[in-house]
Amino acid sequence: LLLLNWTEAAATTSERKGSIELGMGNYKLVINELKKKYNSMDIGDNDSGNKIVRRYKIFNTKLNPDEREDGNCNSIEACNNIYDLEQFEQINQEFDSFLFTESKLKKTKGIIIK
């Protein structure tokens, strides 16, 4: 498994965006993260804190180098995010195995990967 890219930037004063890309063979896992601060007024609660939203994507870098997600092609891997597709569950599990079994919680330059 190879770390391909890592970025983090402030979107606004109350939001931070981050992205990490991990490569394995012909596949790339992309994790996009948005961390948003909220206060009790936003959610009608007595707590303030952070909400983290992550979006996971897996692409075949040989068949889909442009990371298309439109689904308009003859090969599923050539124009789709295959992260949630059942027929590619083995690839997903291989990435998960690395992320989860190395440690319960990893930190990569400030981005928390669970």
N, C-alpha and C. Protein backbone atom coordinates (compact mmCIF):
# COMPACT_ATOMS: atom_id res chain seq x y z
N LEU A 1 0.86 -1.17 0.00
CA LEU A 1 0.00 0.00 0.00
C LEU A 1 0.89 1.23 0.00
N LEU A 2 0.53 2.22 -0.80
CA LEU A 2 1.36 3.39 -0.99
C LEU A 2 0.53 4.65 -0.79
N LEU A 3 1.04 5.59 0.01
CA LEU A 3 0.39 6.88 0.17
C LEU A 3 0.69 7.69 -1.08
N LEU A 4 -0.36 8.05 -1.83
CA LEU A 4 -0.17 8.76 -3.08
C LEU A 4 -0.27 10.27 -2.91
N ASN A 5 -1.17 10.72 -2.05
CA ASN A 5 -1.39 12.15 -1.91
C ASN A 5 -2.09 12.43 -0.59
N TRP A 6 -1.82 13.59 -0.02
CA TRP A 6 -2.50 14.05 1.18
C TRP A 6 -2.63 15.55 1.11
N THR A 7 -3.83 16.08 1.35
CA THR A 7 -4.03 17.53 1.37
C THR A 7 -4.95 17.89 2.51
N GLU A 8 -4.79 19.09 3.01
CA GLU A 8 -5.70 19.62 4.02
C GLU A 8 -5.75 21.12 3.83
N ALA A 9 -6.94 21.69 3.89
CA ALA A 9 -7.09 23.13 3.71
C ALA A 9 -8.29 23.63 4.47
N ALA A 10 -8.22 24.89 4.88
CA ALA A 10 -9.37 25.50 5.54
C ALA A 10 -10.34 25.96 4.47
N ALA A 11 -11.58 25.47 4.55
CA ALA A 11 -12.61 25.90 3.61
C ALA A 11 -13.20 27.23 4.08
N THR A 12 -13.51 27.31 5.35
CA THR A 12 -13.96 28.54 5.99
C THR A 12 -13.40 28.51 7.41
N THR A 13 -13.73 29.51 8.20
CA THR A 13 -13.24 29.50 9.57
C THR A 13 -13.83 28.37 10.39
N SER A 14 -14.99 27.85 9.99
CA SER A 14 -15.62 26.77 10.75
C SER A 14 -15.52 25.41 10.07
N GLU A 15 -14.84 25.33 8.93
CA GLU A 15 -14.72 24.07 8.21
C GLU A 15 -13.28 23.81 7.80
N ARG A 16 -12.91 22.54 7.77
CA ARG A 16 -11.63 22.12 7.22
C ARG A 16 -11.90 20.96 6.26
N LYS A 17 -11.18 20.96 5.15
CA LYS A 17 -11.31 19.87 4.19
C LYS A 17 -9.99 19.13 4.12
N GLY A 18 -10.09 17.83 3.92
CA GLY A 18 -8.88 17.03 3.76
C GLY A 18 -9.13 15.91 2.78
N SER A 19 -8.05 15.38 2.23
CA SER A 19 -8.15 14.29 1.29
C SER A 19 -6.90 13.43 1.42
N ILE A 20 -7.08 12.14 1.31
CA ILE A 20 -5.95 11.22 1.31
C ILE A 20 -6.19 10.20 0.21
N GLU A 21 -5.12 9.83 -0.48
CA GLU A 21 -5.19 8.84 -1.54
C GLU A 21 -4.17 7.74 -1.25
N LEU A 22 -4.65 6.50 -1.27
CA LEU A 22 -3.79 5.34 -1.04
C LEU A 22 -3.85 4.44 -2.27
N GLY A 23 -2.70 3.97 -2.73
CA GLY A 23 -2.66 3.12 -3.90
C GLY A 23 -2.29 1.69 -3.55
N MET A 24 -2.91 0.74 -4.28
CA MET A 24 -2.62 -0.68 -4.11
C MET A 24 -2.83 -1.34 -5.47
N GLY A 25 -1.73 -1.74 -6.10
CA GLY A 25 -1.85 -2.32 -7.44
C GLY A 25 -2.46 -1.33 -8.41
N ASN A 26 -3.51 -1.75 -9.11
CA ASN A 26 -4.19 -0.88 -10.07
C ASN A 26 -5.29 -0.06 -9.42
N TYR A 27 -5.40 -0.08 -8.10
CA TYR A 27 -6.52 0.57 -7.43
C TYR A 27 -6.06 1.71 -6.53
N LYS A 28 -6.92 2.70 -6.42
CA LYS A 28 -6.65 3.85 -5.57
C LYS A 28 -7.87 4.10 -4.69
N LEU A 29 -7.63 4.21 -3.39
CA LEU A 29 -8.67 4.58 -2.43
C LEU A 29 -8.53 6.07 -2.16
N VAL A 30 -9.63 6.80 -2.30
CA VAL A 30 -9.66 8.23 -2.03
C VAL A 30 -10.61 8.44 -0.86
N ILE A 31 -10.13 9.12 0.17
CA ILE A 31 -10.97 9.46 1.31
C ILE A 31 -11.02 10.98 1.39
N ASN A 32 -12.20 11.54 1.16
CA ASN A 32 -12.40 12.98 1.29
C ASN A 32 -13.08 13.23 2.62
N GLU A 33 -12.60 14.21 3.34
CA GLU A 33 -13.13 14.50 4.67
C GLU A 33 -13.46 15.98 4.80
N LEU A 34 -14.61 16.24 5.41
CA LEU A 34 -15.00 17.59 5.76
C LEU A 34 -15.26 17.61 7.25
N LYS A 35 -14.54 18.46 7.95
CA LYS A 35 -14.70 18.59 9.40
C LYS A 35 -15.32 19.96 9.64
N LYS A 36 -16.50 19.96 10.21
CA LYS A 36 -17.23 21.20 10.41
C LYS A 36 -17.50 21.41 11.89
N LYS A 37 -17.17 22.59 12.36
CA LYS A 37 -17.47 22.94 13.75
C LYS A 37 -18.93 23.37 13.84
N TYR A 38 -19.57 23.00 14.91
CA TYR A 38 -20.93 23.44 15.14
C TYR A 38 -21.06 23.85 16.59
N ASN A 39 -22.08 24.61 16.86
CA ASN A 39 -22.35 24.97 18.25
C ASN A 39 -23.77 24.55 18.60
N SER A 40 -24.10 24.68 19.84
CA SER A 40 -25.38 24.19 20.34
C SER A 40 -26.57 24.85 19.63
N MET A 41 -26.40 26.05 19.15
CA MET A 41 -27.49 26.75 18.46
C MET A 41 -27.83 26.06 17.14
N ASP A 42 -26.79 25.46 16.50
CA ASP A 42 -26.99 24.81 15.20
C ASP A 42 -27.85 23.56 15.31
N ILE A 43 -27.73 22.82 16.41
CA ILE A 43 -28.41 21.53 16.50
C ILE A 43 -29.41 21.46 17.64
N GLY A 44 -29.61 22.56 18.34
CA GLY A 44 -30.58 22.57 19.43
C GLY A 44 -30.17 21.67 20.57
N ASP A 45 -28.88 21.57 20.81
CA ASP A 45 -28.34 20.72 21.86
C ASP A 45 -27.49 21.58 22.78
N ASN A 46 -27.08 21.03 23.88
CA ASN A 46 -26.24 21.78 24.81
C ASN A 46 -24.75 21.61 24.51
N ASP A 47 -24.41 20.78 23.54
CA ASP A 47 -23.01 20.52 23.23
C ASP A 47 -22.57 21.31 22.00
N SER A 48 -21.30 21.58 21.95
CA SER A 48 -20.64 22.10 20.75
C SER A 48 -19.56 21.11 20.39
N GLY A 49 -19.14 21.11 19.13
CA GLY A 49 -18.10 20.17 18.75
C GLY A 49 -17.85 20.16 17.27
N ASN A 50 -17.39 19.02 16.78
CA ASN A 50 -17.06 18.86 15.37
C ASN A 50 -17.87 17.73 14.77
N LYS A 51 -18.25 17.90 13.53
CA LYS A 51 -18.90 16.84 12.77
C LYS A 51 -17.96 16.50 11.62
N ILE A 52 -17.64 15.23 11.49
CA ILE A 52 -16.75 14.80 10.42
C ILE A 52 -17.55 13.97 9.42
N VAL A 53 -17.48 14.38 8.16
CA VAL A 53 -18.16 13.66 7.08
C VAL A 53 -17.08 13.14 6.14
N ARG A 54 -17.10 11.84 5.89
CA ARG A 54 -16.11 11.24 4.99
C ARG A 54 -16.81 10.62 3.79
N ARG A 55 -16.19 10.73 2.63
CA ARG A 55 -16.67 10.07 1.43
C ARG A 55 -15.54 9.20 0.91
N TYR A 56 -15.85 7.93 0.69
CA TYR A 56 -14.86 6.96 0.24
C TYR A 56 -15.10 6.63 -1.22
N LYS A 57 -13.99 6.53 -1.97
CA LYS A 57 -14.06 6.17 -3.39
C LYS A 57 -12.91 5.22 -3.70
N ILE A 58 -13.16 4.26 -4.59
CA ILE A 58 -12.09 3.40 -5.10
C ILE A 58 -12.19 3.44 -6.62
N PHE A 59 -11.04 3.66 -7.26
CA PHE A 59 -10.96 3.70 -8.71
C PHE A 59 -9.89 2.74 -9.21
N ASN A 60 -10.12 2.16 -10.39
CA ASN A 60 -9.10 1.40 -11.09
C ASN A 60 -8.29 2.42 -11.86
N THR A 61 -7.03 2.62 -11.47
CA THR A 61 -6.22 3.69 -12.07
C THR A 61 -5.82 3.41 -13.51
N LYS A 62 -5.82 2.14 -13.92
CA LYS A 62 -5.51 1.83 -15.32
C LYS A 62 -6.72 2.05 -16.22
N LEU A 63 -7.88 1.57 -15.78
CA LEU A 63 -9.09 1.68 -16.60
C LEU A 63 -9.82 3.02 -16.44
N ASN A 64 -9.57 3.71 -15.33
CA ASN A 64 -10.27 4.96 -15.05
C ASN A 64 -9.31 6.00 -14.46
N PRO A 65 -8.30 6.40 -15.25
CA PRO A 65 -7.31 7.34 -14.73
C PRO A 65 -7.88 8.73 -14.41
N ASP A 66 -9.00 9.08 -15.03
CA ASP A 66 -9.62 10.39 -14.79
C ASP A 66 -10.65 10.36 -13.66
N GLU A 67 -10.79 9.21 -13.02
CA GLU A 67 -11.72 9.04 -11.89
C GLU A 67 -13.15 9.43 -12.25
N ARG A 68 -13.59 8.94 -13.39
CA ARG A 68 -14.96 9.18 -13.83
C ARG A 68 -15.94 8.45 -12.93
N GLU A 69 -17.12 9.05 -12.76
CA GLU A 69 -18.19 8.43 -11.98
C GLU A 69 -19.53 8.52 -12.71
N ASP A 70 -19.49 8.72 -14.02
CA ASP A 70 -20.74 8.93 -14.77
C ASP A 70 -21.44 7.63 -15.15
N GLY A 71 -20.75 6.49 -15.13
CA GLY A 71 -21.37 5.21 -15.45
C GLY A 71 -21.67 5.00 -16.92
N ASN A 72 -21.21 5.90 -17.79
CA ASN A 72 -21.50 5.80 -19.23
C ASN A 72 -20.34 5.18 -19.98
N CYS A 73 -20.16 3.86 -19.80
CA CYS A 73 -19.11 3.15 -20.51
C CYS A 73 -19.42 1.66 -20.50
N ASN A 74 -18.61 0.88 -21.19
CA ASN A 74 -18.85 -0.56 -21.29
C ASN A 74 -18.30 -1.35 -20.11
N SER A 75 -17.33 -0.80 -19.40
CA SER A 75 -16.71 -1.49 -18.27
C SER A 75 -17.03 -0.74 -16.98
N ILE A 76 -17.53 -1.45 -16.00
CA ILE A 76 -17.89 -0.82 -14.72
C ILE A 76 -16.70 -0.08 -14.12
N GLU A 77 -15.52 -0.68 -14.20
CA GLU A 77 -14.33 -0.08 -13.59
C GLU A 77 -13.82 1.14 -14.35
N ALA A 78 -14.24 1.32 -15.59
CA ALA A 78 -13.73 2.42 -16.41
C ALA A 78 -14.43 3.75 -16.17
N CYS A 79 -15.56 3.73 -15.46
CA CYS A 79 -16.28 5.01 -15.30
C CYS A 79 -17.13 5.04 -14.03
N ASN A 80 -16.67 4.35 -12.99
CA ASN A 80 -17.42 4.32 -11.74
C ASN A 80 -16.50 4.33 -10.53
N ASN A 81 -17.03 4.86 -9.45
CA ASN A 81 -16.46 4.67 -8.12
C ASN A 81 -16.92 3.28 -7.71
N ILE A 82 -16.00 2.35 -7.50
CA ILE A 82 -16.38 0.96 -7.23
C ILE A 82 -16.42 0.64 -5.74
N TYR A 83 -16.32 1.66 -4.89
CA TYR A 83 -16.26 1.44 -3.44
C TYR A 83 -17.44 0.64 -2.92
N ASP A 84 -18.65 0.97 -3.31
CA ASP A 84 -19.84 0.31 -2.77
C ASP A 84 -20.38 -0.82 -3.64
N LEU A 85 -19.67 -1.18 -4.70
CA LEU A 85 -20.16 -2.22 -5.59
C LEU A 85 -19.78 -3.60 -5.06
N GLU A 86 -20.78 -4.44 -4.94
CA GLU A 86 -20.62 -5.76 -4.32
C GLU A 86 -19.55 -6.61 -4.99
N GLN A 87 -19.46 -6.57 -6.32
CA GLN A 87 -18.50 -7.42 -7.02
C GLN A 87 -17.04 -7.01 -6.77
N PHE A 88 -16.82 -5.83 -6.16
CA PHE A 88 -15.47 -5.38 -5.84
C PHE A 88 -15.22 -5.33 -4.33
N GLU A 89 -16.01 -6.08 -3.59
CA GLU A 89 -15.90 -6.08 -2.13
C GLU A 89 -14.53 -6.56 -1.66
N GLN A 90 -13.91 -7.48 -2.37
CA GLN A 90 -12.59 -7.98 -1.99
C GLN A 90 -11.56 -6.86 -1.99
N ILE A 91 -11.59 -5.99 -2.98
CA ILE A 91 -10.65 -4.86 -3.05
C ILE A 91 -10.91 -3.92 -1.88
N ASN A 92 -12.17 -3.64 -1.61
CA ASN A 92 -12.56 -2.79 -0.49
C ASN A 92 -12.04 -3.38 0.82
N GLN A 93 -12.19 -4.69 0.99
CA GLN A 93 -11.74 -5.35 2.21
C GLN A 93 -10.22 -5.29 2.37
N GLU A 94 -9.50 -5.34 1.25
CA GLU A 94 -8.04 -5.25 1.33
C GLU A 94 -7.61 -3.87 1.84
N PHE A 95 -8.24 -2.82 1.34
CA PHE A 95 -7.94 -1.48 1.86
C PHE A 95 -8.35 -1.38 3.33
N ASP A 96 -9.55 -1.86 3.65
CA ASP A 96 -10.03 -1.82 5.04
C ASP A 96 -9.09 -2.58 5.97
N SER A 97 -8.61 -3.72 5.51
CA SER A 97 -7.72 -4.53 6.33
C SER A 97 -6.49 -3.73 6.72
N PHE A 98 -5.92 -3.02 5.78
CA PHE A 98 -4.75 -2.20 6.09
C PHE A 98 -5.12 -1.08 7.06
N LEU A 99 -6.21 -0.38 6.78
CA LEU A 99 -6.59 0.78 7.60
C LEU A 99 -7.00 0.39 9.01
N PHE A 100 -7.69 -0.74 9.17
CA PHE A 100 -8.23 -1.10 10.47
C PHE A 100 -7.32 -2.01 11.29
N THR A 101 -6.55 -2.88 10.68
CA THR A 101 -5.78 -3.82 11.47
C THR A 101 -4.41 -3.30 11.87
N GLU A 102 -3.89 -2.31 11.16
CA GLU A 102 -2.62 -1.73 11.56
C GLU A 102 -2.75 -1.09 12.94
N SER A 103 -3.89 -0.45 13.18
CA SER A 103 -4.19 0.11 14.50
C SER A 103 -5.68 0.43 14.52
N LYS A 104 -6.21 0.61 15.70
CA LYS A 104 -7.64 0.93 15.82
C LYS A 104 -7.92 2.32 15.26
N LEU A 105 -7.00 3.22 15.39
CA LEU A 105 -7.18 4.58 14.92
C LEU A 105 -5.84 5.10 14.43
N LYS A 106 -5.80 5.52 13.17
CA LYS A 106 -4.55 6.04 12.62
C LYS A 106 -4.68 7.54 12.42
N LYS A 107 -3.56 8.20 12.54
CA LYS A 107 -3.51 9.62 12.19
C LYS A 107 -2.46 9.77 11.11
N THR A 108 -2.84 10.39 10.01
CA THR A 108 -1.92 10.64 8.92
C THR A 108 -1.90 12.14 8.69
N LYS A 109 -0.88 12.80 9.16
CA LYS A 109 -0.73 14.24 9.04
C LYS A 109 -1.98 14.97 9.49
N GLY A 110 -2.58 14.55 10.56
CA GLY A 110 -3.72 15.24 11.13
C GLY A 110 -5.08 14.71 10.69
N ILE A 111 -5.12 13.92 9.63
CA ILE A 111 -6.39 13.37 9.18
C ILE A 111 -6.61 12.05 9.90
N ILE A 112 -7.71 11.91 10.57
CA ILE A 112 -8.01 10.69 11.30
C ILE A 112 -8.71 9.72 10.37
N ILE A 113 -8.17 8.53 10.26
CA ILE A 113 -8.76 7.47 9.44
C ILE A 113 -9.19 6.38 10.38
N LYS A 114 -10.47 6.07 10.37
CA LYS A 114 -10.95 4.98 11.23
C LYS A 114 -11.14 3.75 10.39
